[in-house]
Amino acid sequence: MSVGLFAYPEQAAFGRPLPKTKIYEHAKLTKTVRTKFINQIEKIVWQYKLAPETINLPSRKSAPEIEIFVITLKTPEIGSEVLRAIDNAIPFPIIYELVFGRRVKVVAAFKRPSEGDSTKWVTYVYFESNWQQINVERKPLPVALNVAGLYEQMLRELMVLPPRPNETITQQVERVGLIRSKQYERAQLERRLRNEKQFNRKVDLNAQLRGLDKEIEALSVIKGSD
Protein backbone atom coordinates (compact mmCIF):
# COMPACT_ATOMS: atom_id res chain seq x y z
CA MET A 1 0.00 0.00 0.00
CA SER A 2 1.19 3.53 -0.73
CA VAL A 3 2.67 5.82 1.92
CA GLY A 4 1.29 9.36 1.90
CA LEU A 5 -0.52 8.89 -1.43
CA PHE A 6 -4.25 9.39 -1.15
CA ALA A 7 -7.13 9.06 -3.58
CA TYR A 8 -8.44 12.61 -3.59
CA PRO A 9 -12.13 13.20 -4.38
CA GLU A 10 -13.00 14.44 -7.85
CA GLN A 11 -14.82 17.47 -6.44
CA ALA A 12 -11.50 18.61 -4.90
CA ALA A 13 -9.74 18.69 -8.29
CA PHE A 14 -8.22 22.09 -9.10
CA GLY A 15 -5.75 21.22 -11.85
CA ARG A 16 -4.22 24.62 -12.49
CA PRO A 17 -0.60 25.08 -13.59
CA LEU A 18 1.35 27.29 -11.19
CA PRO A 19 3.95 29.30 -13.12
CA LYS A 20 7.34 29.52 -11.41
CA THR A 21 7.21 33.28 -11.99
CA LYS A 22 4.32 33.49 -9.50
CA ILE A 23 6.59 32.01 -6.83
CA TYR A 24 9.32 34.47 -7.76
CA GLU A 25 6.85 37.33 -7.26
CA HIS A 26 5.76 36.26 -3.77
CA ALA A 27 8.97 34.81 -2.32
CA LYS A 28 12.32 36.49 -1.85
CA LEU A 29 14.68 34.11 -3.63
CA THR A 30 18.43 34.16 -3.65
CA LYS A 31 20.16 33.65 -6.97
CA THR A 32 21.13 30.13 -5.86
CA VAL A 33 17.53 29.12 -5.05
CA ARG A 34 16.22 30.64 -8.28
CA THR A 35 18.80 28.62 -10.22
CA LYS A 36 17.64 25.45 -8.43
CA PHE A 37 14.04 26.26 -9.39
CA ILE A 38 15.09 26.40 -13.03
CA ASN A 39 17.34 23.33 -12.93
CA GLN A 40 15.22 21.04 -10.76
CA ILE A 41 11.57 21.81 -11.57
CA GLU A 42 9.87 21.03 -14.89
CA LYS A 43 6.39 22.19 -13.88
CA ILE A 44 4.10 22.72 -10.89
CA VAL A 45 0.40 21.86 -10.96
CA TRP A 46 -1.99 22.93 -8.19
CA GLN A 47 -3.79 19.59 -8.46
CA TYR A 48 -6.27 19.55 -5.56
CA LYS A 49 -7.77 21.93 -3.02
CA LEU A 50 -9.03 20.25 0.15
CA ALA A 51 -11.42 22.83 1.58
CA PRO A 52 -14.85 22.87 3.29
CA GLU A 53 -16.61 23.27 -0.06
CA THR A 54 -14.72 20.36 -1.68
CA ILE A 55 -14.45 17.74 1.09
CA ASN A 56 -17.35 18.77 3.34
CA LEU A 57 -15.21 19.29 6.46
CA PRO A 58 -15.19 22.50 8.53
CA SER A 59 -12.07 24.63 8.38
CA ARG A 60 -9.93 25.68 11.32
CA LYS A 61 -7.70 28.72 11.71
CA SER A 62 -4.69 26.40 11.91
CA ALA A 63 -5.63 24.80 8.57
CA PRO A 64 -8.36 26.57 6.55
CA GLU A 65 -7.62 24.32 3.57
CA ILE A 66 -4.92 21.99 2.25
CA GLU A 67 -3.29 22.37 -1.15
CA ILE A 68 -1.96 19.39 -3.12
CA PHE A 69 0.85 20.37 -5.49
CA VAL A 70 2.20 17.93 -8.07
CA ILE A 71 5.73 18.89 -9.09
CA THR A 72 7.33 17.23 -12.11
CA LEU A 73 11.08 17.17 -11.58
CA LYS A 74 13.99 17.42 -13.99
CA THR A 75 16.27 15.69 -11.46
CA PRO A 76 15.65 12.91 -8.88
CA GLU A 77 16.03 15.34 -5.98
CA ILE A 78 14.83 18.80 -5.08
CA GLY A 79 16.37 21.12 -2.51
CA SER A 80 14.32 21.69 0.64
CA GLU A 81 15.02 25.42 0.19
CA VAL A 82 13.08 25.26 -3.10
CA LEU A 83 10.03 23.75 -1.42
CA ARG A 84 10.40 26.20 1.46
CA ALA A 85 10.26 29.08 -1.01
CA ILE A 86 6.95 27.76 -2.35
CA ASP A 87 5.63 27.30 1.18
CA ASN A 88 6.64 30.88 2.00
CA ALA A 89 4.73 32.13 -1.03
CA ILE A 90 1.50 30.19 -0.35
CA PRO A 91 -0.23 30.93 3.00
CA PHE A 92 -1.82 27.49 3.37
CA PRO A 93 -0.62 23.97 4.26
CA ILE A 94 0.79 22.19 1.20
CA ILE A 95 1.31 18.49 0.47
CA TYR A 96 3.75 17.92 -2.41
CA GLU A 97 3.74 14.95 -4.75
CA LEU A 98 7.12 14.90 -6.51
CA VAL A 99 7.17 13.04 -9.83
CA PHE A 100 10.31 11.87 -11.61
CA GLY A 101 9.93 9.41 -14.45
CA ARG A 102 7.54 6.68 -13.32
CA ARG A 103 8.08 7.27 -9.62
CA VAL A 104 6.47 9.55 -7.06
CA LYS A 105 7.12 10.52 -3.47
CA VAL A 106 5.27 12.71 -1.00
CA VAL A 107 6.93 15.59 0.85
CA ALA A 108 5.45 18.06 3.31
CA ALA A 109 6.43 20.34 6.17
CA PHE A 110 4.17 21.18 9.08
CA LYS A 111 2.88 24.74 8.69
CA ARG A 112 0.90 26.88 11.11
CA PRO A 113 -0.09 30.55 11.33
CA SER A 114 2.43 32.71 13.19
CA GLU A 115 1.37 33.57 16.73
CA GLY A 116 2.82 37.06 16.36
CA ASP A 117 1.35 37.82 12.91
CA SER A 118 -1.66 35.81 11.70
CA THR A 119 -0.95 36.87 8.10
CA LYS A 120 2.34 34.95 8.16
CA TRP A 121 2.96 31.21 8.42
CA VAL A 122 5.68 29.25 10.20
CA THR A 123 7.17 26.31 8.28
CA TYR A 124 8.90 23.52 10.21
CA VAL A 125 11.05 20.58 9.05
CA TYR A 126 10.16 18.50 6.00
CA PHE A 127 9.02 14.89 6.03
CA GLU A 128 8.94 12.57 3.05
CA SER A 129 8.00 9.11 1.89
CA ASN A 130 10.25 6.81 -0.12
CA TRP A 131 9.97 6.81 -3.89
CA GLN A 132 7.00 4.69 -5.04
CA GLN A 133 5.69 3.54 -8.40
CA ILE A 134 3.44 6.21 -9.85
CA ASN A 135 0.63 3.69 -10.45
CA VAL A 136 0.68 2.32 -6.89
CA GLU A 137 -2.73 1.85 -5.29
CA ARG A 138 -3.78 4.94 -3.37
CA LYS A 139 -5.60 4.86 -0.03
CA PRO A 140 -8.75 6.76 0.98
CA LEU A 141 -8.36 10.03 2.83
CA PRO A 142 -8.22 9.57 6.63
CA VAL A 143 -11.45 10.10 8.54
CA ALA A 144 -11.36 13.47 10.31
CA LEU A 145 -13.67 15.95 12.03
CA ASN A 146 -12.20 19.03 10.35
CA VAL A 147 -9.55 20.13 7.85
CA ALA A 148 -6.93 20.61 10.58
CA GLY A 149 -7.45 17.05 11.83
CA LEU A 150 -7.13 15.74 8.28
CA TYR A 151 -3.90 17.69 7.80
CA GLU A 152 -2.41 16.26 11.00
CA GLN A 153 -3.19 12.68 9.95
CA MET A 154 -1.75 13.20 6.48
CA LEU A 155 1.46 14.63 7.96
CA ARG A 156 1.82 11.98 10.63
CA GLU A 157 1.75 9.29 7.95
CA LEU A 158 5.06 10.73 6.68
CA MET A 159 6.71 10.75 10.12
CA VAL A 160 8.80 7.71 11.01
CA LEU A 161 8.63 8.60 14.70
CA PRO A 162 5.15 7.93 16.19
CA PRO A 163 3.52 10.51 18.46
CA ARG A 164 3.64 10.15 22.23
CA PRO A 165 0.33 9.83 24.10
CA ASN A 166 -1.53 13.17 23.99
CA GLU A 167 1.33 14.79 22.04
CA THR A 168 0.15 17.58 19.75
CA ILE A 169 1.33 17.73 16.15
CA THR A 170 3.41 20.83 17.00
CA GLN A 171 5.11 19.05 19.90
CA GLN A 172 5.80 15.98 17.78
CA VAL A 173 7.29 18.03 14.94
CA GLU A 174 9.47 20.02 17.34
CA ARG A 175 10.69 16.76 18.93
CA VAL A 176 11.57 15.33 15.51
CA GLY A 177 13.34 18.56 14.60
CA LEU A 178 15.40 18.37 17.79
CA ILE A 179 16.33 14.75 17.07
CA ARG A 180 17.51 15.72 13.58
CA SER A 181 19.57 18.55 15.05
CA LYS A 182 21.20 16.16 17.55
CA GLN A 183 21.85 13.61 14.78
CA TYR A 184 23.54 16.28 12.66
CA GLU A 185 25.66 17.31 15.66
CA ARG A 186 26.58 13.65 16.18
CA ALA A 187 27.67 13.25 12.55
CA GLN A 188 29.90 16.32 12.90
CA LEU A 189 31.48 14.89 16.06
CA GLU A 190 32.10 11.56 14.33
CA ARG A 191 33.99 13.35 11.55
CA ARG A 192 36.12 15.15 14.10
CA LEU A 193 36.77 11.88 15.91
CA ARG A 194 37.96 10.17 12.72
CA ASN A 195 40.45 12.98 12.08
CA GLU A 196 41.61 13.43 15.67
CA LYS A 197 45.12 12.19 16.52
CA GLN A 198 45.39 13.05 20.21
CA PHE A 199 44.23 10.31 22.56
CA ASN A 200 42.83 12.61 25.24
CA ARG A 201 40.78 14.51 22.61
CA LYS A 202 39.44 11.21 21.29
CA VAL A 203 38.32 10.28 24.82
CA ASP A 204 36.53 13.64 25.15
CA LEU A 205 34.83 13.31 21.76
CA ASN A 206 33.67 9.77 22.56
CA ALA A 207 32.17 11.04 25.81
CA GLN A 208 30.30 13.75 23.88
CA LEU A 209 29.02 11.13 21.41
CA ARG A 210 27.71 8.95 24.24
CA GLY A 211 25.95 11.97 25.70
CA LEU A 212 24.30 12.76 22.37
CA ASP A 213 23.25 9.12 21.96
CA LYS A 214 21.47 9.29 25.32
CA GLU A 215 19.72 12.54 24.36
CA ILE A 216 18.58 11.08 21.02
CA GLU A 217 17.36 7.91 22.71
CA ALA A 218 15.41 9.90 25.30
CA LEU A 219 13.78 12.03 22.60
CA SER A 220 12.89 8.91 20.56
CA VAL A 221 11.20 7.03 23.39
CA ILE A 222 7.42 6.84 23.08
CA LYS A 223 6.46 7.47 26.68
CA GLY A 224 3.63 5.41 28.05
CA SER A 225 4.19 2.54 25.60
CA ASP A 226 4.88 -0.99 26.75
C-alpha atoms as a PDB file:
ATOM      1  CA  MET A   1       0.000   0.000   0.000  1.00  0.00           C
ATOM      2  CA  SER A   2       1.194   3.525  -0.735  1.00  0.00           C
ATOM      3  CA  VAL A   3       2.666   5.817   1.915  1.00  0.00           C
ATOM      4  CA  GLY A   4       1.292   9.359   1.895  1.00  0.00           C
ATOM      5  CA  LEU A   5      -0.515   8.893  -1.429  1.00  0.00           C
ATOM      6  CA  PHE A   6      -4.249   9.395  -1.145  1.00  0.00           C
ATOM      7  CA  ALA A   7      -7.127   9.059  -3.582  1.00  0.00           C
ATOM      8  CA  TYR A   8      -8.444  12.614  -3.594  1.00  0.00           C
ATOM      9  CA  PRO A   9     -12.127  13.198  -4.382  1.00  0.00           C
ATOM     10  CA  GLU A  10     -13.001  14.441  -7.855  1.00  0.00           C
ATOM     11  CA  GLN A  11     -14.819  17.469  -6.442  1.00  0.00           C
ATOM     12  CA  ALA A  12     -11.504  18.614  -4.897  1.00  0.00           C
ATOM     13  CA  ALA A  13      -9.738  18.690  -8.291  1.00  0.00           C
ATOM     14  CA  PHE A  14      -8.221  22.095  -9.103  1.00  0.00           C
ATOM     15  CA  GLY A  15      -5.754  21.217 -11.850  1.00  0.00           C
ATOM     16  CA  ARG A  16      -4.216  24.618 -12.491  1.00  0.00           C
ATOM     17  CA  PRO A  17      -0.599  25.085 -13.588  1.00  0.00           C
ATOM     18  CA  LEU A  18       1.349  27.288 -11.185  1.00  0.00           C
ATOM     19  CA  PRO A  19       3.955  29.304 -13.120  1.00  0.00           C
ATOM     20  CA  LYS A  20       7.336  29.523 -11.412  1.00  0.00           C
ATOM     21  CA  THR A  21       7.214  33.277 -11.990  1.00  0.00           C
ATOM     22  CA  LYS A  22       4.324  33.492  -9.496  1.00  0.00           C
ATOM     23  CA  ILE A  23       6.591  32.008  -6.828  1.00  0.00           C
ATOM     24  CA  TYR A  24       9.323  34.473  -7.760  1.00  0.00           C
ATOM     25  CA  GLU A  25       6.848  37.328  -7.264  1.00  0.00           C
ATOM     26  CA  HIS A  26       5.763  36.260  -3.774  1.00  0.00           C
ATOM     27  CA  ALA A  27       8.969  34.811  -2.319  1.00  0.00           C
ATOM     28  CA  LYS A  28      12.323  36.491  -1.847  1.00  0.00           C
ATOM     29  CA  LEU A  29      14.676  34.115  -3.628  1.00  0.00           C
ATOM     30  CA  THR A  30      18.435  34.161  -3.653  1.00  0.00           C
ATOM     31  CA  LYS A  31      20.165  33.653  -6.966  1.00  0.00           C
ATOM     32  CA  THR A  32      21.130  30.126  -5.861  1.00  0.00           C
ATOM     33  CA  VAL A  33      17.531  29.124  -5.054  1.00  0.00           C
ATOM     34  CA  ARG A  34      16.218  30.639  -8.281  1.00  0.00           C
ATOM     35  CA  THR A  35      18.804  28.619 -10.223  1.00  0.00           C
ATOM     36  CA  LYS A  36      17.639  25.450  -8.434  1.00  0.00           C
ATOM     37  CA  PHE A  37      14.037  26.260  -9.393  1.00  0.00           C
ATOM     38  CA  ILE A  38      15.091  26.403 -13.033  1.00  0.00           C
ATOM     39  CA  ASN A  39      17.339  23.329 -12.929  1.00  0.00           C
ATOM     40  CA  GLN A  40      15.218  21.037 -10.757  1.00  0.00           C
ATOM     41  CA  ILE A  41      11.567  21.806 -11.569  1.00  0.00           C
ATOM     42  CA  GLU A  42       9.874  21.027 -14.888  1.00  0.00           C
ATOM     43  CA  LYS A  43       6.387  22.187 -13.879  1.00  0.00           C
ATOM     44  CA  ILE A  44       4.102  22.721 -10.892  1.00  0.00           C
ATOM     45  CA  VAL A  45       0.395  21.859 -10.962  1.00  0.00           C
ATOM     46  CA  TRP A  46      -1.985  22.933  -8.193  1.00  0.00           C
ATOM     47  CA  GLN A  47      -3.787  19.587  -8.459  1.00  0.00           C
ATOM     48  CA  TYR A  48      -6.274  19.552  -5.555  1.00  0.00           C
ATOM     49  CA  LYS A  49      -7.768  21.931  -3.024  1.00  0.00           C
ATOM     50  CA  LEU A  50      -9.027  20.253   0.153  1.00  0.00           C
ATOM     51  CA  ALA A  51     -11.421  22.827   1.582  1.00  0.00           C
ATOM     52  CA  PRO A  52     -14.850  22.865   3.290  1.00  0.00           C
ATOM     53  CA  GLU A  53     -16.609  23.267  -0.057  1.00  0.00           C
ATOM     54  CA  THR A  54     -14.718  20.358  -1.679  1.00  0.00           C
ATOM     55  CA  ILE A  55     -14.445  17.738   1.088  1.00  0.00           C
ATOM     56  CA  ASN A  56     -17.349  18.771   3.337  1.00  0.00           C
ATOM     57  CA  LEU A  57     -15.208  19.295   6.461  1.00  0.00           C
ATOM     58  CA  PRO A  58     -15.191  22.498   8.529  1.00  0.00           C
ATOM     59  CA  SER A  59     -12.066  24.633   8.378  1.00  0.00           C
ATOM     60  CA  ARG A  60      -9.935  25.683  11.321  1.00  0.00           C
ATOM     61  CA  LYS A  61      -7.697  28.723  11.714  1.00  0.00           C
ATOM     62  CA  SER A  62      -4.686  26.402  11.908  1.00  0.00           C
ATOM     63  CA  ALA A  63      -5.633  24.805   8.566  1.00  0.00           C
ATOM     64  CA  PRO A  64      -8.358  26.570   6.555  1.00  0.00           C
ATOM     65  CA  GLU A  65      -7.622  24.319   3.572  1.00  0.00           C
ATOM     66  CA  ILE A  66      -4.918  21.989   2.247  1.00  0.00           C
ATOM     67  CA  GLU A  67      -3.285  22.374  -1.152  1.00  0.00           C
ATOM     68  CA  ILE A  68      -1.955  19.391  -3.120  1.00  0.00           C
ATOM     69  CA  PHE A  69       0.853  20.372  -5.493  1.00  0.00           C
ATOM     70  CA  VAL A  70       2.196  17.927  -8.072  1.00  0.00           C
ATOM     71  CA  ILE A  71       5.733  18.888  -9.092  1.00  0.00           C
ATOM     72  CA  THR A  72       7.333  17.233 -12.111  1.00  0.00           C
ATOM     73  CA  LEU A  73      11.083  17.172 -11.583  1.00  0.00           C
ATOM     74  CA  LYS A  74      13.993  17.421 -13.986  1.00  0.00           C
ATOM     75  CA  THR A  75      16.269  15.692 -11.462  1.00  0.00           C
ATOM     76  CA  PRO A  76      15.646  12.914  -8.882  1.00  0.00           C
ATOM     77  CA  GLU A  77      16.028  15.336  -5.977  1.00  0.00           C
ATOM     78  CA  ILE A  78      14.832  18.796  -5.078  1.00  0.00           C
ATOM     79  CA  GLY A  79      16.370  21.116  -2.513  1.00  0.00           C
ATOM     80  CA  SER A  80      14.318  21.693   0.638  1.00  0.00           C
ATOM     81  CA  GLU A  81      15.015  25.421   0.188  1.00  0.00           C
ATOM     82  CA  VAL A  82      13.084  25.261  -3.097  1.00  0.00           C
ATOM     83  CA  LEU A  83      10.028  23.753  -1.416  1.00  0.00           C
ATOM     84  CA  ARG A  84      10.399  26.200   1.463  1.00  0.00           C
ATOM     85  CA  ALA A  85      10.259  29.081  -1.014  1.00  0.00           C
ATOM     86  CA  ILE A  86       6.946  27.756  -2.352  1.00  0.00           C
ATOM     87  CA  ASP A  87       5.629  27.304   1.184  1.00  0.00           C
ATOM     88  CA  ASN A  88       6.641  30.877   2.005  1.00  0.00           C
ATOM     89  CA  ALA A  89       4.731  32.130  -1.035  1.00  0.00           C
ATOM     90  CA  ILE A  90       1.501  30.193  -0.353  1.00  0.00           C
ATOM     91  CA  PRO A  91      -0.231  30.931   3.000  1.00  0.00           C
ATOM     92  CA  PHE A  92      -1.816  27.492   3.374  1.00  0.00           C
ATOM     93  CA  PRO A  93      -0.621  23.973   4.257  1.00  0.00           C
ATOM     94  CA  ILE A  94       0.794  22.187   1.202  1.00  0.00           C
ATOM     95  CA  ILE A  95       1.313  18.487   0.469  1.00  0.00           C
ATOM     96  CA  TYR A  96       3.748  17.919  -2.410  1.00  0.00           C
ATOM     97  CA  GLU A  97       3.741  14.951  -4.754  1.00  0.00           C
ATOM     98  CA  LEU A  98       7.117  14.903  -6.512  1.00  0.00           C
ATOM     99  CA  VAL A  99       7.169  13.036  -9.828  1.00  0.00           C
ATOM    100  CA  PHE A 100      10.314  11.867 -11.605  1.00  0.00           C
ATOM    101  CA  GLY A 101       9.930   9.408 -14.446  1.00  0.00           C
ATOM    102  CA  ARG A 102       7.538   6.677 -13.323  1.00  0.00           C
ATOM    103  CA  ARG A 103       8.076   7.269  -9.625  1.00  0.00           C
ATOM    104  CA  VAL A 104       6.469   9.555  -7.060  1.00  0.00           C
ATOM    105  CA  LYS A 105       7.122  10.517  -3.466  1.00  0.00           C
ATOM    106  CA  VAL A 106       5.269  12.708  -0.996  1.00  0.00           C
ATOM    107  CA  VAL A 107       6.933  15.591   0.846  1.00  0.00           C
ATOM    108  CA  ALA A 108       5.447  18.063   3.313  1.00  0.00           C
ATOM    109  CA  ALA A 109       6.429  20.341   6.170  1.00  0.00           C
ATOM    110  CA  PHE A 110       4.170  21.179   9.079  1.00  0.00           C
ATOM    111  CA  LYS A 111       2.877  24.740   8.691  1.00  0.00           C
ATOM    112  CA  ARG A 112       0.901  26.875  11.115  1.00  0.00           C
ATOM    113  CA  PRO A 113      -0.088  30.554  11.334  1.00  0.00           C
ATOM    114  CA  SER A 114       2.434  32.710  13.191  1.00  0.00           C
ATOM    115  CA  GLU A 115       1.366  33.568  16.732  1.00  0.00           C
ATOM    116  CA  GLY A 116       2.820  37.065  16.358  1.00  0.00           C
ATOM    117  CA  ASP A 117       1.353  37.816  12.914  1.00  0.00           C
ATOM    118  CA  SER A 118      -1.657  35.812  11.702  1.00  0.00           C
ATOM    119  CA  THR A 119      -0.946  36.868   8.097  1.00  0.00           C
ATOM    120  CA  LYS A 120       2.344  34.946   8.155  1.00  0.00           C
ATOM    121  CA  TRP A 121       2.957  31.211   8.416  1.00  0.00           C
ATOM    122  CA  VAL A 122       5.680  29.254  10.201  1.00  0.00           C
ATOM    123  CA  THR A 123       7.174  26.310   8.280  1.00  0.00           C
ATOM    124  CA  TYR A 124       8.904  23.521  10.210  1.00  0.00           C
ATOM    125  CA  VAL A 125      11.050  20.582   9.055  1.00  0.00           C
ATOM    126  CA  TYR A 126      10.162  18.501   5.995  1.00  0.00           C
ATOM    127  CA  PHE A 127       9.025  14.893   6.033  1.00  0.00           C
ATOM    128  CA  GLU A 128       8.936  12.571   3.053  1.00  0.00           C
ATOM    129  CA  SER A 129       7.995   9.107   1.892  1.00  0.00           C
ATOM    130  CA  ASN A 130      10.246   6.812  -0.115  1.00  0.00           C
ATOM    131  CA  TRP A 131       9.965   6.810  -3.888  1.00  0.00           C
ATOM    132  CA  GLN A 132       6.996   4.692  -5.044  1.00  0.00           C
ATOM    133  CA  GLN A 133       5.694   3.543  -8.401  1.00  0.00           C
ATOM    134  CA  ILE A 134       3.441   6.209  -9.854  1.00  0.00           C
ATOM    135  CA  ASN A 135       0.632   3.689 -10.448  1.00  0.00           C
ATOM    136  CA  VAL A 136       0.677   2.323  -6.886  1.00  0.00           C
ATOM    137  CA  GLU A 137      -2.731   1.854  -5.292  1.00  0.00           C
ATOM    138  CA  ARG A 138      -3.778   4.939  -3.366  1.00  0.00           C
ATOM    139  CA  LYS A 139      -5.603   4.859  -0.035  1.00  0.00           C
ATOM    140  CA  PRO A 140      -8.746   6.756   0.979  1.00  0.00           C
ATOM    141  CA  LEU A 141      -8.362  10.027   2.830  1.00  0.00           C
ATOM    142  CA  PRO A 142      -8.216   9.571   6.633  1.00  0.00           C
ATOM    143  CA  VAL A 143     -11.451  10.103   8.541  1.00  0.00           C
ATOM    144  CA  ALA A 144     -11.356  13.470  10.311  1.00  0.00           C
ATOM    145  CA  LEU A 145     -13.670  15.952  12.030  1.00  0.00           C
ATOM    146  CA  ASN A 146     -12.196  19.031  10.350  1.00  0.00           C
ATOM    147  CA  VAL A 147      -9.545  20.129   7.852  1.00  0.00           C
ATOM    148  CA  ALA A 148      -6.925  20.614  10.584  1.00  0.00           C
ATOM    149  CA  GLY A 149      -7.452  17.047  11.829  1.00  0.00           C
ATOM    150  CA  LEU A 150      -7.126  15.738   8.279  1.00  0.00           C
ATOM    151  CA  TYR A 151      -3.901  17.691   7.799  1.00  0.00           C
ATOM    152  CA  GLU A 152      -2.411  16.255  10.998  1.00  0.00           C
ATOM    153  CA  GLN A 153      -3.186  12.684   9.951  1.00  0.00           C
ATOM    154  CA  MET A 154      -1.747  13.203   6.478  1.00  0.00           C
ATOM    155  CA  LEU A 155       1.461  14.629   7.961  1.00  0.00           C
ATOM    156  CA  ARG A 156       1.824  11.977  10.631  1.00  0.00           C
ATOM    157  CA  GLU A 157       1.751   9.293   7.951  1.00  0.00           C
ATOM    158  CA  LEU A 158       5.061  10.732   6.679  1.00  0.00           C
ATOM    159  CA  MET A 159       6.713  10.750  10.116  1.00  0.00           C
ATOM    160  CA  VAL A 160       8.799   7.709  11.009  1.00  0.00           C
ATOM    161  CA  LEU A 161       8.627   8.596  14.703  1.00  0.00           C
ATOM    162  CA  PRO A 162       5.151   7.932  16.185  1.00  0.00           C
ATOM    163  CA  PRO A 163       3.518  10.508  18.463  1.00  0.00           C
ATOM    164  CA  ARG A 164       3.643  10.154  22.229  1.00  0.00           C
ATOM    165  CA  PRO A 165       0.333   9.829  24.097  1.00  0.00           C
ATOM    166  CA  ASN A 166      -1.533  13.171  23.987  1.00  0.00           C
ATOM    167  CA  GLU A 167       1.330  14.790  22.039  1.00  0.00           C
ATOM    168  CA  THR A 168       0.150  17.577  19.753  1.00  0.00           C
ATOM    169  CA  ILE A 169       1.326  17.733  16.152  1.00  0.00           C
ATOM    170  CA  THR A 170       3.414  20.830  16.999  1.00  0.00           C
ATOM    171  CA  GLN A 171       5.112  19.046  19.905  1.00  0.00           C
ATOM    172  CA  GLN A 172       5.798  15.975  17.777  1.00  0.00           C
ATOM    173  CA  VAL A 173       7.286  18.028  14.938  1.00  0.00           C
ATOM    174  CA  GLU A 174       9.466  20.018  17.339  1.00  0.00           C
ATOM    175  CA  ARG A 175      10.693  16.763  18.926  1.00  0.00           C
ATOM    176  CA  VAL A 176      11.569  15.325  15.507  1.00  0.00           C
ATOM    177  CA  GLY A 177      13.340  18.563  14.603  1.00  0.00           C
ATOM    178  CA  LEU A 178      15.398  18.373  17.791  1.00  0.00           C
ATOM    179  CA  ILE A 179      16.329  14.745  17.067  1.00  0.00           C
ATOM    180  CA  ARG A 180      17.506  15.724  13.576  1.00  0.00           C
ATOM    181  CA  SER A 181      19.575  18.549  15.053  1.00  0.00           C
ATOM    182  CA  LYS A 182      21.202  16.157  17.547  1.00  0.00           C
ATOM    183  CA  GLN A 183      21.852  13.614  14.779  1.00  0.00           C
ATOM    184  CA  TYR A 184      23.544  16.279  12.662  1.00  0.00           C
ATOM    185  CA  GLU A 185      25.660  17.308  15.659  1.00  0.00           C
ATOM    186  CA  ARG A 186      26.583  13.653  16.182  1.00  0.00           C
ATOM    187  CA  ALA A 187      27.671  13.254  12.551  1.00  0.00           C
ATOM    188  CA  GLN A 188      29.900  16.317  12.903  1.00  0.00           C
ATOM    189  CA  LEU A 189      31.477  14.893  16.055  1.00  0.00           C
ATOM    190  CA  GLU A 190      32.101  11.555  14.334  1.00  0.00           C
ATOM    191  CA  ARG A 191      33.990  13.349  11.550  1.00  0.00           C
ATOM    192  CA  ARG A 192      36.119  15.154  14.102  1.00  0.00           C
ATOM    193  CA  LEU A 193      36.775  11.877  15.908  1.00  0.00           C
ATOM    194  CA  ARG A 194      37.958  10.168  12.718  1.00  0.00           C
ATOM    195  CA  ASN A 195      40.450  12.977  12.077  1.00  0.00           C
ATOM    196  CA  GLU A 196      41.613  13.431  15.671  1.00  0.00           C
ATOM    197  CA  LYS A 197      45.117  12.190  16.515  1.00  0.00           C
ATOM    198  CA  GLN A 198      45.394  13.053  20.207  1.00  0.00           C
ATOM    199  CA  PHE A 199      44.234  10.305  22.560  1.00  0.00           C
ATOM    200  CA  ASN A 200      42.826  12.613  25.235  1.00  0.00           C
ATOM    201  CA  ARG A 201      40.780  14.513  22.615  1.00  0.00           C
ATOM    202  CA  LYS A 202      39.437  11.205  21.293  1.00  0.00           C
ATOM    203  CA  VAL A 203      38.316  10.282  24.819  1.00  0.00           C
ATOM    204  CA  ASP A 204      36.533  13.637  25.149  1.00  0.00           C
ATOM    205  CA  LEU A 205      34.826  13.314  21.761  1.00  0.00           C
ATOM    206  CA  ASN A 206      33.674   9.769  22.563  1.00  0.00           C
ATOM    207  CA  ALA A 207      32.166  11.039  25.812  1.00  0.00           C
ATOM    208  CA  GLN A 208      30.296  13.745  23.882  1.00  0.00           C
ATOM    209  CA  LEU A 209      29.022  11.128  21.408  1.00  0.00           C
ATOM    210  CA  ARG A 210      27.709   8.946  24.241  1.00  0.00           C
ATOM    211  CA  GLY A 211      25.949  11.973  25.700  1.00  0.00           C
ATOM    212  CA  LEU A 212      24.303  12.764  22.369  1.00  0.00           C
ATOM    213  CA  ASP A 213      23.253   9.119  21.961  1.00  0.00           C
ATOM    214  CA  LYS A 214      21.472   9.287  25.319  1.00  0.00           C
ATOM    215  CA  GLU A 215      19.724  12.538  24.358  1.00  0.00           C
ATOM    216  CA  ILE A 216      18.584  11.084  21.016  1.00  0.00           C
ATOM    217  CA  GLU A 217      17.362   7.912  22.706  1.00  0.00           C
ATOM    218  CA  ALA A 218      15.412   9.902  25.303  1.00  0.00           C
ATOM    219  CA  LEU A 219      13.784  12.026  22.597  1.00  0.00           C
ATOM    220  CA  SER A 220      12.895   8.915  20.560  1.00  0.00           C
ATOM    221  CA  VAL A 221      11.200   7.030  23.392  1.00  0.00           C
ATOM    222  CA  ILE A 222       7.417   6.838  23.078  1.00  0.00           C
ATOM    223  CA  LYS A 223       6.460   7.469  26.684  1.00  0.00           C
ATOM    224  CA  GLY A 224       3.635   5.409  28.054  1.00  0.00           C
ATOM    225  CA  SER A 225       4.193   2.540  25.599  1.00  0.00           C
ATOM    226  CA  ASP A 226       4.882  -0.989  26.754  1.00  0.00           C
END
